[in-house]
Amino acid sequence: MNEITRRGLIFGAATAGAYGLLVGVERVCLSAFADDDEAEGDASRVKIVKFADDGARLGVYTLPKVRKSKSEWKKQLTPLQYDVTRRAATEFAFSGALYDQHAPGLYRCVDCGNALFDSEAKFDSGTGWPSFWEAIAAENVREKKDFSMGALRTEVKCALCDAHLGHVFTDGPEPTGLRYCMNSAALLFVSRKS
């Protein structure tokens, strides 16, 4: 009789623990994907470097972060752009419009227009995503530790609106050795007229 009670206790504790884990995961998912109308993000101000479409540096500006509600972002963005930039999804390799783009120009944030990368720093990484060896200005992007997918990675976000752009890795070319692996859906390409 004691054996059955001990097994029942162990099984009951394991079941309760699993149930608690599932409820916690459900709460996280519901809050992450809820379609409420509250503005997202931090209301603080940030310093960014502004660039003209021809790549000319215009100076350092202190601006309020771009904040919009989820419904406002959904009106502005395509479903793929919204999933990538606001929900940190990743487009399929070789499916984006910009991975094979070789024209001179700027890559801006599709959400807010912040200048992120210059075509002069773009290289073919063979991964199927637009890759750059440096950001146009360190102030214009921010990096965040990302523990999703079961591995430690470094997420890259737009400093002005917190849009998810992709990840940065340390297997890129010289001179930096970095590979900013970005989603085409997060970028707006502005051609530089010669």
N, C-alpha and C. Protein backbone atom coordinates (compact mmCIF):
# COMPACT_ATOMS: atom_id res chain seq x y z
N MET A 1 0.81 -1.19 0.00
CA MET A 1 0.00 0.00 0.00
C MET A 1 0.86 1.27 0.00
N ASN A 2 1.96 1.26 0.77
CA ASN A 2 2.87 2.39 0.77
C ASN A 2 3.45 2.66 -0.61
N GLU A 3 3.75 1.60 -1.38
CA GLU A 3 4.33 1.74 -2.72
C GLU A 3 3.37 2.49 -3.65
N ILE A 4 2.12 2.18 -3.60
CA ILE A 4 1.12 2.84 -4.45
C ILE A 4 1.02 4.31 -4.06
N THR A 5 1.04 4.61 -2.81
CA THR A 5 0.96 5.99 -2.34
C THR A 5 2.18 6.79 -2.79
N ARG A 6 3.37 6.19 -2.67
CA ARG A 6 4.59 6.85 -3.09
C ARG A 6 4.56 7.13 -4.59
N ARG A 7 4.15 6.14 -5.39
CA ARG A 7 4.05 6.32 -6.84
C ARG A 7 3.00 7.39 -7.18
N GLY A 8 1.90 7.33 -6.48
CA GLY A 8 0.84 8.32 -6.70
C GLY A 8 1.31 9.72 -6.39
N LEU A 9 2.09 9.85 -5.30
CA LEU A 9 2.62 11.14 -4.92
C LEU A 9 3.58 11.66 -5.98
N ILE A 10 4.49 10.81 -6.44
CA ILE A 10 5.46 11.21 -7.47
C ILE A 10 4.74 11.57 -8.76
N PHE A 11 3.80 10.72 -9.17
CA PHE A 11 3.05 10.99 -10.40
C PHE A 11 2.23 12.28 -10.27
N GLY A 12 1.63 12.46 -9.12
CA GLY A 12 0.82 13.67 -8.90
C GLY A 12 1.67 14.93 -8.94
N ALA A 13 2.85 14.88 -8.32
CA ALA A 13 3.75 16.04 -8.31
C ALA A 13 4.24 16.34 -9.72
N ALA A 14 4.58 15.31 -10.48
CA ALA A 14 5.04 15.50 -11.86
C ALA A 14 3.92 16.08 -12.71
N THR A 15 2.72 15.59 -12.53
CA THR A 15 1.57 16.10 -13.30
C THR A 15 1.30 17.56 -12.97
N ALA A 16 1.33 17.89 -11.69
CA ALA A 16 1.10 19.28 -11.27
C ALA A 16 2.19 20.20 -11.82
N GLY A 17 3.43 19.74 -11.79
CA GLY A 17 4.54 20.54 -12.33
C GLY A 17 4.39 20.77 -13.82
N ALA A 18 4.04 19.72 -14.55
CA ALA A 18 3.84 19.84 -16.00
C ALA A 18 2.69 20.78 -16.31
N TYR A 19 1.62 20.68 -15.55
CA TYR A 19 0.48 21.55 -15.75
C TYR A 19 0.88 23.02 -15.49
N GLY A 20 1.63 23.25 -14.43
CA GLY A 20 2.10 24.60 -14.12
C GLY A 20 2.97 25.16 -15.23
N LEU A 21 3.83 24.33 -15.79
CA LEU A 21 4.68 24.75 -16.90
C LEU A 21 3.83 25.12 -18.11
N LEU A 22 2.85 24.30 -18.44
CA LEU A 22 1.99 24.59 -19.59
C LEU A 22 1.19 25.88 -19.39
N VAL A 23 0.70 26.11 -18.19
CA VAL A 23 -0.04 27.34 -17.91
C VAL A 23 0.89 28.55 -18.07
N GLY A 24 2.12 28.44 -17.58
CA GLY A 24 3.08 29.52 -17.73
C GLY A 24 3.41 29.81 -19.19
N VAL A 25 3.62 28.77 -19.97
CA VAL A 25 3.90 28.94 -21.39
C VAL A 25 2.71 29.57 -22.09
N GLU A 26 1.51 29.13 -21.74
CA GLU A 26 0.31 29.70 -22.34
C GLU A 26 0.20 31.19 -22.03
N ARG A 27 0.47 31.58 -20.79
CA ARG A 27 0.40 33.00 -20.43
C ARG A 27 1.40 33.82 -21.21
N VAL A 28 2.63 33.32 -21.35
CA VAL A 28 3.66 34.02 -22.11
C VAL A 28 3.21 34.18 -23.56
N CYS A 29 2.71 33.11 -24.15
CA CYS A 29 2.27 33.15 -25.55
C CYS A 29 1.10 34.10 -25.72
N LEU A 30 0.14 34.06 -24.82
CA LEU A 30 -1.01 34.94 -24.94
C LEU A 30 -0.62 36.40 -24.83
N SER A 31 0.31 36.72 -23.92
CA SER A 31 0.71 38.11 -23.79
C SER A 31 1.57 38.54 -24.97
N ALA A 32 2.38 37.66 -25.50
CA ALA A 32 3.25 38.01 -26.62
C ALA A 32 2.46 38.22 -27.91
N PHE A 33 1.40 37.46 -28.09
CA PHE A 33 0.67 37.52 -29.35
C PHE A 33 -0.71 38.14 -29.21
N ALA A 34 -0.99 38.75 -28.08
CA ALA A 34 -2.28 39.39 -27.88
C ALA A 34 -2.40 40.57 -28.82
N ASP A 35 -3.59 40.85 -29.27
CA ASP A 35 -3.82 41.96 -30.19
C ASP A 35 -4.43 43.15 -29.46
N ASP A 36 -3.83 43.53 -28.34
CA ASP A 36 -4.34 44.67 -27.62
C ASP A 36 -3.94 45.95 -28.35
N ASP A 37 -4.45 47.07 -27.90
CA ASP A 37 -4.17 48.32 -28.58
C ASP A 37 -3.21 49.22 -27.82
N GLU A 38 -2.52 48.68 -26.84
CA GLU A 38 -1.55 49.48 -26.12
C GLU A 38 -0.28 49.62 -26.96
N ALA A 39 0.34 50.79 -26.89
CA ALA A 39 1.59 51.00 -27.62
C ALA A 39 2.67 50.14 -27.00
N GLU A 40 3.53 49.60 -27.87
CA GLU A 40 4.61 48.72 -27.42
C GLU A 40 5.85 49.54 -27.12
N GLY A 41 6.75 48.95 -26.38
CA GLY A 41 8.10 49.47 -26.25
C GLY A 41 8.29 50.46 -25.13
N ASP A 42 9.45 51.03 -25.14
CA ASP A 42 9.95 51.93 -24.13
C ASP A 42 9.82 53.36 -24.65
N ALA A 43 9.33 54.26 -23.84
CA ALA A 43 9.08 55.64 -24.27
C ALA A 43 10.33 56.52 -24.20
N SER A 44 11.48 55.95 -23.96
CA SER A 44 12.69 56.76 -23.80
C SER A 44 13.14 57.37 -25.12
N ARG A 45 14.11 58.24 -25.00
CA ARG A 45 14.70 58.88 -26.18
C ARG A 45 16.00 58.17 -26.51
N VAL A 46 16.36 58.17 -27.79
CA VAL A 46 17.58 57.50 -28.24
C VAL A 46 18.37 58.42 -29.15
N LYS A 47 19.66 58.21 -29.18
CA LYS A 47 20.53 58.93 -30.11
C LYS A 47 20.75 58.04 -31.33
N ILE A 48 20.48 58.58 -32.50
CA ILE A 48 20.77 57.87 -33.74
C ILE A 48 21.51 58.81 -34.69
N VAL A 49 22.15 58.23 -35.68
CA VAL A 49 22.80 59.02 -36.72
C VAL A 49 21.87 59.01 -37.92
N LYS A 50 21.49 60.19 -38.38
CA LYS A 50 20.63 60.29 -39.56
C LYS A 50 21.49 60.32 -40.82
N PHE A 51 20.94 59.70 -41.88
CA PHE A 51 21.61 59.65 -43.18
C PHE A 51 20.63 60.04 -44.26
N ALA A 52 21.11 60.80 -45.25
CA ALA A 52 20.32 61.09 -46.44
C ALA A 52 20.27 59.84 -47.30
N ASP A 53 19.34 59.79 -48.24
CA ASP A 53 19.22 58.62 -49.11
C ASP A 53 20.46 58.36 -49.95
N ASP A 54 21.27 59.40 -50.19
CA ASP A 54 22.51 59.19 -50.95
C ASP A 54 23.66 58.69 -50.07
N GLY A 55 23.38 58.47 -48.78
CA GLY A 55 24.38 57.95 -47.86
C GLY A 55 25.12 59.02 -47.08
N ALA A 56 24.86 60.29 -47.35
CA ALA A 56 25.54 61.37 -46.64
C ALA A 56 25.09 61.40 -45.18
N ARG A 57 26.07 61.50 -44.30
CA ARG A 57 25.80 61.56 -42.86
C ARG A 57 25.27 62.95 -42.51
N LEU A 58 24.11 63.02 -41.87
CA LEU A 58 23.46 64.30 -41.55
C LEU A 58 23.71 64.74 -40.12
N GLY A 59 24.18 63.85 -39.26
CA GLY A 59 24.46 64.22 -37.89
C GLY A 59 23.78 63.31 -36.89
N VAL A 60 24.09 63.54 -35.61
CA VAL A 60 23.53 62.75 -34.52
C VAL A 60 22.32 63.50 -33.97
N TYR A 61 21.22 62.78 -33.81
CA TYR A 61 19.97 63.36 -33.32
C TYR A 61 19.47 62.55 -32.13
N THR A 62 18.88 63.24 -31.17
CA THR A 62 18.21 62.58 -30.05
C THR A 62 16.72 62.65 -30.32
N LEU A 63 16.11 61.48 -30.46
CA LEU A 63 14.70 61.39 -30.84
C LEU A 63 13.95 60.48 -29.87
N PRO A 64 12.63 60.72 -29.73
CA PRO A 64 11.84 59.77 -28.94
C PRO A 64 11.70 58.47 -29.73
N LYS A 65 11.68 57.34 -29.02
CA LYS A 65 11.48 56.06 -29.69
C LYS A 65 10.13 56.06 -30.39
N VAL A 66 10.07 55.40 -31.53
CA VAL A 66 8.82 55.26 -32.27
C VAL A 66 7.99 54.20 -31.56
N ARG A 67 6.79 54.59 -31.13
CA ARG A 67 5.89 53.67 -30.43
C ARG A 67 4.54 53.68 -31.13
N LYS A 68 4.02 52.51 -31.39
CA LYS A 68 2.70 52.37 -32.00
C LYS A 68 2.01 51.17 -31.38
N SER A 69 0.70 51.17 -31.46
CA SER A 69 -0.05 50.01 -30.97
C SER A 69 0.10 48.88 -31.97
N LYS A 70 -0.24 47.69 -31.53
CA LYS A 70 -0.17 46.53 -32.43
C LYS A 70 -1.08 46.72 -33.63
N SER A 71 -2.24 47.30 -33.42
CA SER A 71 -3.15 47.51 -34.56
C SER A 71 -2.58 48.55 -35.53
N GLU A 72 -1.89 49.57 -35.03
CA GLU A 72 -1.25 50.55 -35.93
C GLU A 72 -0.14 49.90 -36.74
N TRP A 73 0.69 49.05 -36.10
CA TRP A 73 1.74 48.35 -36.84
C TRP A 73 1.12 47.45 -37.91
N LYS A 74 0.04 46.77 -37.57
CA LYS A 74 -0.60 45.87 -38.52
C LYS A 74 -1.17 46.61 -39.73
N LYS A 75 -1.62 47.84 -39.53
CA LYS A 75 -2.12 48.64 -40.66
C LYS A 75 -0.97 49.08 -41.57
N GLN A 76 0.19 49.34 -40.99
CA GLN A 76 1.33 49.85 -41.74
C GLN A 76 2.10 48.75 -42.47
N LEU A 77 2.19 47.56 -41.87
CA LEU A 77 3.07 46.51 -42.36
C LEU A 77 2.31 45.37 -43.02
N THR A 78 2.99 44.63 -43.90
CA THR A 78 2.40 43.41 -44.43
C THR A 78 2.41 42.37 -43.31
N PRO A 79 1.65 41.29 -43.45
CA PRO A 79 1.68 40.26 -42.41
C PRO A 79 3.09 39.70 -42.16
N LEU A 80 3.88 39.49 -43.22
CA LEU A 80 5.25 38.99 -43.03
C LEU A 80 6.11 40.03 -42.31
N GLN A 81 6.03 41.28 -42.72
CA GLN A 81 6.81 42.33 -42.06
C GLN A 81 6.43 42.43 -40.58
N TYR A 82 5.15 42.34 -40.28
CA TYR A 82 4.70 42.40 -38.89
C TYR A 82 5.25 41.21 -38.09
N ASP A 83 5.12 40.01 -38.64
CA ASP A 83 5.61 38.82 -37.93
C ASP A 83 7.11 38.90 -37.68
N VAL A 84 7.87 39.37 -38.67
CA VAL A 84 9.33 39.46 -38.51
C VAL A 84 9.71 40.57 -37.54
N THR A 85 9.23 41.79 -37.79
CA THR A 85 9.72 42.93 -37.01
C THR A 85 9.09 43.08 -35.64
N ARG A 86 7.83 42.69 -35.48
CA ARG A 86 7.16 42.88 -34.21
C ARG A 86 7.07 41.61 -33.39
N ARG A 87 7.20 40.43 -34.03
CA ARG A 87 7.10 39.15 -33.31
C ARG A 87 8.40 38.34 -33.37
N ALA A 88 9.45 38.90 -33.96
CA ALA A 88 10.77 38.26 -34.05
C ALA A 88 10.75 36.94 -34.81
N ALA A 89 9.91 36.86 -35.84
CA ALA A 89 9.92 35.68 -36.72
C ALA A 89 11.11 35.78 -37.68
N THR A 90 11.35 34.71 -38.42
CA THR A 90 12.43 34.69 -39.42
C THR A 90 11.84 34.22 -40.74
N GLU A 91 12.16 34.97 -41.80
CA GLU A 91 11.69 34.54 -43.12
C GLU A 91 12.54 33.36 -43.58
N PHE A 92 12.02 32.57 -44.51
CA PHE A 92 12.75 31.42 -45.02
C PHE A 92 13.98 31.89 -45.81
N ALA A 93 15.07 31.14 -45.70
CA ALA A 93 16.29 31.45 -46.45
C ALA A 93 15.99 31.49 -47.94
N PHE A 94 16.62 32.40 -48.63
CA PHE A 94 16.51 32.58 -50.09
C PHE A 94 15.11 33.00 -50.53
N SER A 95 14.23 33.39 -49.61
CA SER A 95 12.88 33.79 -49.99
C SER A 95 12.71 35.30 -50.01
N GLY A 96 13.59 36.04 -49.36
CA GLY A 96 13.45 37.50 -49.26
C GLY A 96 13.90 38.21 -50.52
N ALA A 97 13.35 39.38 -50.74
CA ALA A 97 13.63 40.15 -51.95
C ALA A 97 15.03 40.75 -51.97
N LEU A 98 15.69 40.85 -50.82
CA LEU A 98 16.95 41.60 -50.77
C LEU A 98 18.21 40.75 -50.58
N TYR A 99 18.08 39.44 -50.42
CA TYR A 99 19.28 38.65 -50.16
C TYR A 99 20.24 38.68 -51.35
N ASP A 100 19.71 38.83 -52.57
CA ASP A 100 20.53 38.84 -53.78
C ASP A 100 20.61 40.24 -54.40
N GLN A 101 20.34 41.26 -53.61
CA GLN A 101 20.37 42.65 -54.08
C GLN A 101 21.81 43.16 -54.07
N HIS A 102 22.29 43.67 -55.20
CA HIS A 102 23.69 44.11 -55.27
C HIS A 102 23.84 45.56 -55.70
N ALA A 103 22.73 46.28 -55.88
CA ALA A 103 22.79 47.68 -56.28
C ALA A 103 23.28 48.55 -55.12
N PRO A 104 23.93 49.68 -55.44
CA PRO A 104 24.35 50.59 -54.37
C PRO A 104 23.15 51.29 -53.74
N GLY A 105 23.18 51.43 -52.42
CA GLY A 105 22.10 52.11 -51.74
C GLY A 105 22.13 51.89 -50.24
N LEU A 106 21.06 52.34 -49.60
CA LEU A 106 20.90 52.23 -48.15
C LEU A 106 19.82 51.22 -47.83
N TYR A 107 19.97 50.57 -46.70
CA TYR A 107 18.96 49.67 -46.16
C TYR A 107 18.41 50.33 -44.91
N ARG A 108 17.13 50.67 -44.97
CA ARG A 108 16.47 51.35 -43.86
C ARG A 108 15.51 50.39 -43.15
N CYS A 109 15.12 50.73 -41.94
CA CYS A 109 14.14 49.95 -41.20
C CYS A 109 12.78 50.10 -41.87
N VAL A 110 12.13 49.00 -42.17
CA VAL A 110 10.82 49.04 -42.83
C VAL A 110 9.76 49.63 -41.91
N ASP A 111 9.98 49.58 -40.62
CA ASP A 111 8.99 50.08 -39.66
C ASP A 111 9.07 51.59 -39.48
N CYS A 112 10.29 52.14 -39.39
CA CYS A 112 10.42 53.56 -39.04
C CYS A 112 11.31 54.38 -39.98
N GLY A 113 12.01 53.75 -40.91
CA GLY A 113 12.85 54.48 -41.86
C GLY A 113 14.26 54.78 -41.37
N ASN A 114 14.62 54.34 -40.19
CA ASN A 114 15.96 54.55 -39.65
C ASN A 114 17.00 53.88 -40.56
N ALA A 115 18.07 54.57 -40.89
CA ALA A 115 19.15 53.99 -41.71
C ALA A 115 19.88 52.93 -40.89
N LEU A 116 20.05 51.74 -41.47
CA LEU A 116 20.64 50.62 -40.74
C LEU A 116 21.94 50.12 -41.36
N PHE A 117 21.95 49.93 -42.67
CA PHE A 117 23.12 49.36 -43.35
C PHE A 117 23.34 50.06 -44.68
N ASP A 118 24.61 50.07 -45.12
CA ASP A 118 24.98 50.60 -46.42
C ASP A 118 25.37 49.42 -47.31
N SER A 119 25.06 49.52 -48.58
CA SER A 119 25.38 48.44 -49.52
C SER A 119 26.88 48.17 -49.59
N GLU A 120 27.71 49.14 -49.24
CA GLU A 120 29.16 48.94 -49.26
C GLU A 120 29.62 47.91 -48.23
N ALA A 121 28.82 47.66 -47.21
CA ALA A 121 29.17 46.67 -46.18
C ALA A 121 28.45 45.34 -46.41
N LYS A 122 27.73 45.21 -47.53
CA LYS A 122 26.96 43.99 -47.81
C LYS A 122 27.88 42.97 -48.48
N PHE A 123 27.68 41.70 -48.16
CA PHE A 123 28.45 40.63 -48.79
C PHE A 123 27.57 39.40 -48.94
N ASP A 124 27.97 38.51 -49.82
CA ASP A 124 27.21 37.27 -50.05
C ASP A 124 27.71 36.22 -49.07
N SER A 125 26.90 35.94 -48.07
CA SER A 125 27.29 34.97 -47.03
C SER A 125 26.92 33.55 -47.42
N GLY A 126 26.10 33.40 -48.47
CA GLY A 126 25.64 32.07 -48.88
C GLY A 126 24.55 31.51 -47.99
N THR A 127 24.03 32.32 -47.07
CA THR A 127 23.03 31.84 -46.12
C THR A 127 21.60 32.03 -46.62
N GLY A 128 21.40 32.92 -47.61
CA GLY A 128 20.06 33.19 -48.11
C GLY A 128 19.39 34.38 -47.46
N TRP A 129 20.12 35.13 -46.63
CA TRP A 129 19.62 36.35 -46.03
C TRP A 129 20.60 37.48 -46.33
N PRO A 130 20.13 38.72 -46.43
CA PRO A 130 21.05 39.84 -46.60
C PRO A 130 22.04 39.88 -45.44
N SER A 131 23.33 39.98 -45.78
CA SER A 131 24.37 39.95 -44.75
C SER A 131 25.29 41.16 -44.91
N PHE A 132 25.67 41.73 -43.78
CA PHE A 132 26.51 42.93 -43.75
C PHE A 132 27.61 42.73 -42.71
N TRP A 133 28.78 43.32 -42.97
CA TRP A 133 29.86 43.17 -41.99
C TRP A 133 29.88 44.30 -40.96
N GLU A 134 29.03 45.32 -41.15
CA GLU A 134 28.87 46.34 -40.11
C GLU A 134 27.59 47.12 -40.35
N ALA A 135 27.08 47.71 -39.28
CA ALA A 135 25.92 48.61 -39.38
C ALA A 135 26.41 49.95 -39.89
N ILE A 136 25.51 50.75 -40.45
CA ILE A 136 25.89 52.06 -40.97
C ILE A 136 26.38 52.97 -39.84
N ALA A 137 25.82 52.79 -38.65
CA ALA A 137 26.24 53.52 -37.44
C ALA A 137 25.88 52.66 -36.24
N ALA A 138 26.80 52.53 -35.31
CA ALA A 138 26.56 51.70 -34.12
C ALA A 138 25.35 52.18 -33.34
N GLU A 139 25.08 53.49 -33.37
CA GLU A 139 23.95 54.06 -32.63
C GLU A 139 22.59 53.61 -33.19
N ASN A 140 22.55 53.22 -34.45
CA ASN A 140 21.28 52.96 -35.12
C ASN A 140 20.73 51.56 -34.90
N VAL A 141 21.55 50.68 -34.37
CA VAL A 141 21.09 49.33 -34.04
C VAL A 141 21.43 49.06 -32.58
N ARG A 142 20.71 48.13 -32.01
CA ARG A 142 21.07 47.68 -30.66
C ARG A 142 21.06 46.16 -30.66
N GLU A 143 21.88 45.61 -29.79
CA GLU A 143 22.01 44.16 -29.71
C GLU A 143 21.47 43.68 -28.37
N LYS A 144 20.89 42.48 -28.43
CA LYS A 144 20.26 41.91 -27.24
C LYS A 144 20.53 40.41 -27.23
N LYS A 145 20.85 39.87 -26.08
CA LYS A 145 21.05 38.42 -25.96
C LYS A 145 19.75 37.70 -26.23
N ASP A 146 19.81 36.63 -27.00
CA ASP A 146 18.62 35.88 -27.40
C ASP A 146 18.86 34.41 -27.06
N PHE A 147 18.03 33.86 -26.16
CA PHE A 147 18.17 32.46 -25.74
C PHE A 147 17.14 31.55 -26.40
N SER A 148 16.40 32.07 -27.37
CA SER A 148 15.42 31.23 -28.06
C SER A 148 16.14 30.22 -28.95
N MET A 149 15.42 29.25 -29.42
CA MET A 149 15.97 28.21 -30.30
C MET A 149 17.01 27.34 -29.61
N GLY A 150 17.09 27.40 -28.29
CA GLY A 150 17.98 26.53 -27.53
C GLY A 150 19.46 26.88 -27.61
N ALA A 151 19.78 28.08 -28.08
CA ALA A 151 21.18 28.49 -28.18
C ALA A 151 21.29 29.98 -27.89
N LEU A 152 22.44 30.40 -27.42
CA LEU A 152 22.68 31.82 -27.18
C LEU A 152 23.06 32.48 -28.49
N ARG A 153 22.27 33.47 -28.89
CA ARG A 153 22.56 34.25 -30.09
C ARG A 153 22.45 35.73 -29.72
N THR A 154 22.86 36.60 -30.63
CA THR A 154 22.75 38.03 -30.41
C THR A 154 21.75 38.61 -31.41
N GLU A 155 20.61 39.02 -30.88
CA GLU A 155 19.57 39.61 -31.71
C GLU A 155 19.94 41.04 -32.05
N VAL A 156 19.58 41.49 -33.26
CA VAL A 156 19.80 42.87 -33.69
C VAL A 156 18.44 43.52 -33.85
N LYS A 157 18.30 44.71 -33.23
CA LYS A 157 17.05 45.45 -33.29
C LYS A 157 17.33 46.87 -33.77
N CYS A 158 16.32 47.49 -34.35
CA CYS A 158 16.41 48.90 -34.70
C CYS A 158 16.40 49.70 -33.40
N ALA A 159 17.34 50.61 -33.25
CA ALA A 159 17.43 51.39 -32.01
C ALA A 159 16.28 52.37 -31.88
N LEU A 160 15.69 52.79 -33.00
CA LEU A 160 14.65 53.81 -32.96
C LEU A 160 13.26 53.25 -32.67
N CYS A 161 12.95 52.04 -33.18
CA CYS A 161 11.58 51.52 -32.99
C CYS A 161 11.54 50.11 -32.40
N ASP A 162 12.69 49.53 -32.09
CA ASP A 162 12.80 48.19 -31.51
C ASP A 162 12.33 47.08 -32.45
N ALA A 163 12.32 47.33 -33.75
CA ALA A 163 11.96 46.27 -34.70
C ALA A 163 13.03 45.18 -34.68
N HIS A 164 12.60 43.93 -34.68
CA HIS A 164 13.53 42.81 -34.82
C HIS A 164 14.02 42.79 -36.26
N LEU A 165 15.35 42.75 -36.43
CA LEU A 165 15.95 42.75 -37.76
C LEU A 165 16.54 41.40 -38.13
N GLY A 166 17.17 40.75 -37.17
CA GLY A 166 17.84 39.48 -37.41
C GLY A 166 18.82 39.22 -36.27
N HIS A 167 19.97 38.61 -36.62
CA HIS A 167 20.99 38.29 -35.62
C HIS A 167 22.37 38.62 -36.17
N VAL A 168 23.32 38.82 -35.27
CA VAL A 168 24.71 39.06 -35.67
C VAL A 168 25.56 37.90 -35.16
N PHE A 169 26.48 37.46 -36.03
CA PHE A 169 27.35 36.32 -35.73
C PHE A 169 28.81 36.75 -35.94
N THR A 170 29.72 35.97 -35.39
CA THR A 170 31.15 36.32 -35.46
C THR A 170 31.89 35.52 -36.54
N ASP A 171 31.19 35.15 -37.61
CA ASP A 171 31.84 34.39 -38.68
C ASP A 171 31.83 35.16 -40.00
N GLY A 172 31.89 36.49 -39.91
CA GLY A 172 31.87 37.33 -41.10
C GLY A 172 33.26 37.65 -41.60
N PRO A 173 33.34 38.42 -42.69
CA PRO A 173 34.63 38.76 -43.30
C PRO A 173 35.32 39.91 -42.57
N GLU A 174 36.55 40.14 -42.93
CA GLU A 174 37.29 41.31 -42.43
C GLU A 174 36.65 42.54 -43.06
N PRO A 175 36.72 43.70 -42.47
CA PRO A 175 37.59 44.04 -41.35
C PRO A 175 36.98 43.78 -39.97
N THR A 176 35.68 43.47 -39.86
CA THR A 176 35.07 43.34 -38.54
C THR A 176 34.96 41.90 -38.06
N GLY A 177 34.87 40.95 -39.01
CA GLY A 177 34.65 39.56 -38.65
C GLY A 177 33.21 39.29 -38.25
N LEU A 178 32.31 40.25 -38.49
CA LEU A 178 30.91 40.11 -38.12
C LEU A 178 30.04 39.79 -39.33
N ARG A 179 28.93 39.12 -39.06
CA ARG A 179 27.92 38.85 -40.10
C ARG A 179 26.56 39.22 -39.53
N TYR A 180 26.11 40.42 -39.91
CA TYR A 180 24.76 40.84 -39.56
C TYR A 180 23.83 40.15 -40.54
N CYS A 181 23.15 39.12 -40.07
CA CYS A 181 22.27 38.30 -40.90
C CYS A 181 20.85 38.83 -40.70
N MET A 182 20.35 39.59 -41.69
CA MET A 182 19.10 40.32 -41.54
C MET A 182 17.98 39.69 -42.37
N ASN A 183 16.75 39.97 -41.98
CA ASN A 183 15.58 39.55 -42.74
C ASN A 183 15.25 40.62 -43.78
N SER A 184 15.05 40.22 -45.03
CA SER A 184 14.64 41.17 -46.07
C SER A 184 13.36 41.89 -45.67
N ALA A 185 12.45 41.17 -45.01
CA ALA A 185 11.15 41.74 -44.63
C ALA A 185 11.30 42.89 -43.63
N ALA A 186 12.45 43.00 -42.96
CA ALA A 186 12.67 44.06 -41.98
C ALA A 186 13.34 45.29 -42.61
N LEU A 187 13.73 45.17 -43.87
CA LEU A 187 14.52 46.22 -44.51
C LEU A 187 13.79 46.85 -45.68
N LEU A 188 14.05 48.14 -45.87
CA LEU A 188 13.57 48.88 -47.03
C LEU A 188 14.80 49.35 -47.77
N PHE A 189 14.97 48.91 -49.02
CA PHE A 189 16.15 49.29 -49.80
C PHE A 189 15.87 50.59 -50.54
N VAL A 190 16.79 51.57 -50.39
CA VAL A 190 16.70 52.84 -51.09
C VAL A 190 17.91 52.94 -52.01
N SER A 191 17.64 52.88 -53.31
CA SER A 191 18.72 52.88 -54.31
C SER A 191 19.45 54.21 -54.30
N ARG A 192 20.77 54.13 -54.45
CA ARG A 192 21.61 55.34 -54.53
C ARG A 192 21.82 55.64 -55.99
N LYS A 193 21.33 56.77 -56.43
CA LYS A 193 21.48 57.17 -57.83
C LYS A 193 22.92 57.59 -58.07
N SER A 194 23.51 57.10 -59.18
CA SER A 194 24.91 57.47 -59.46
C SER A 194 24.97 58.74 -60.27
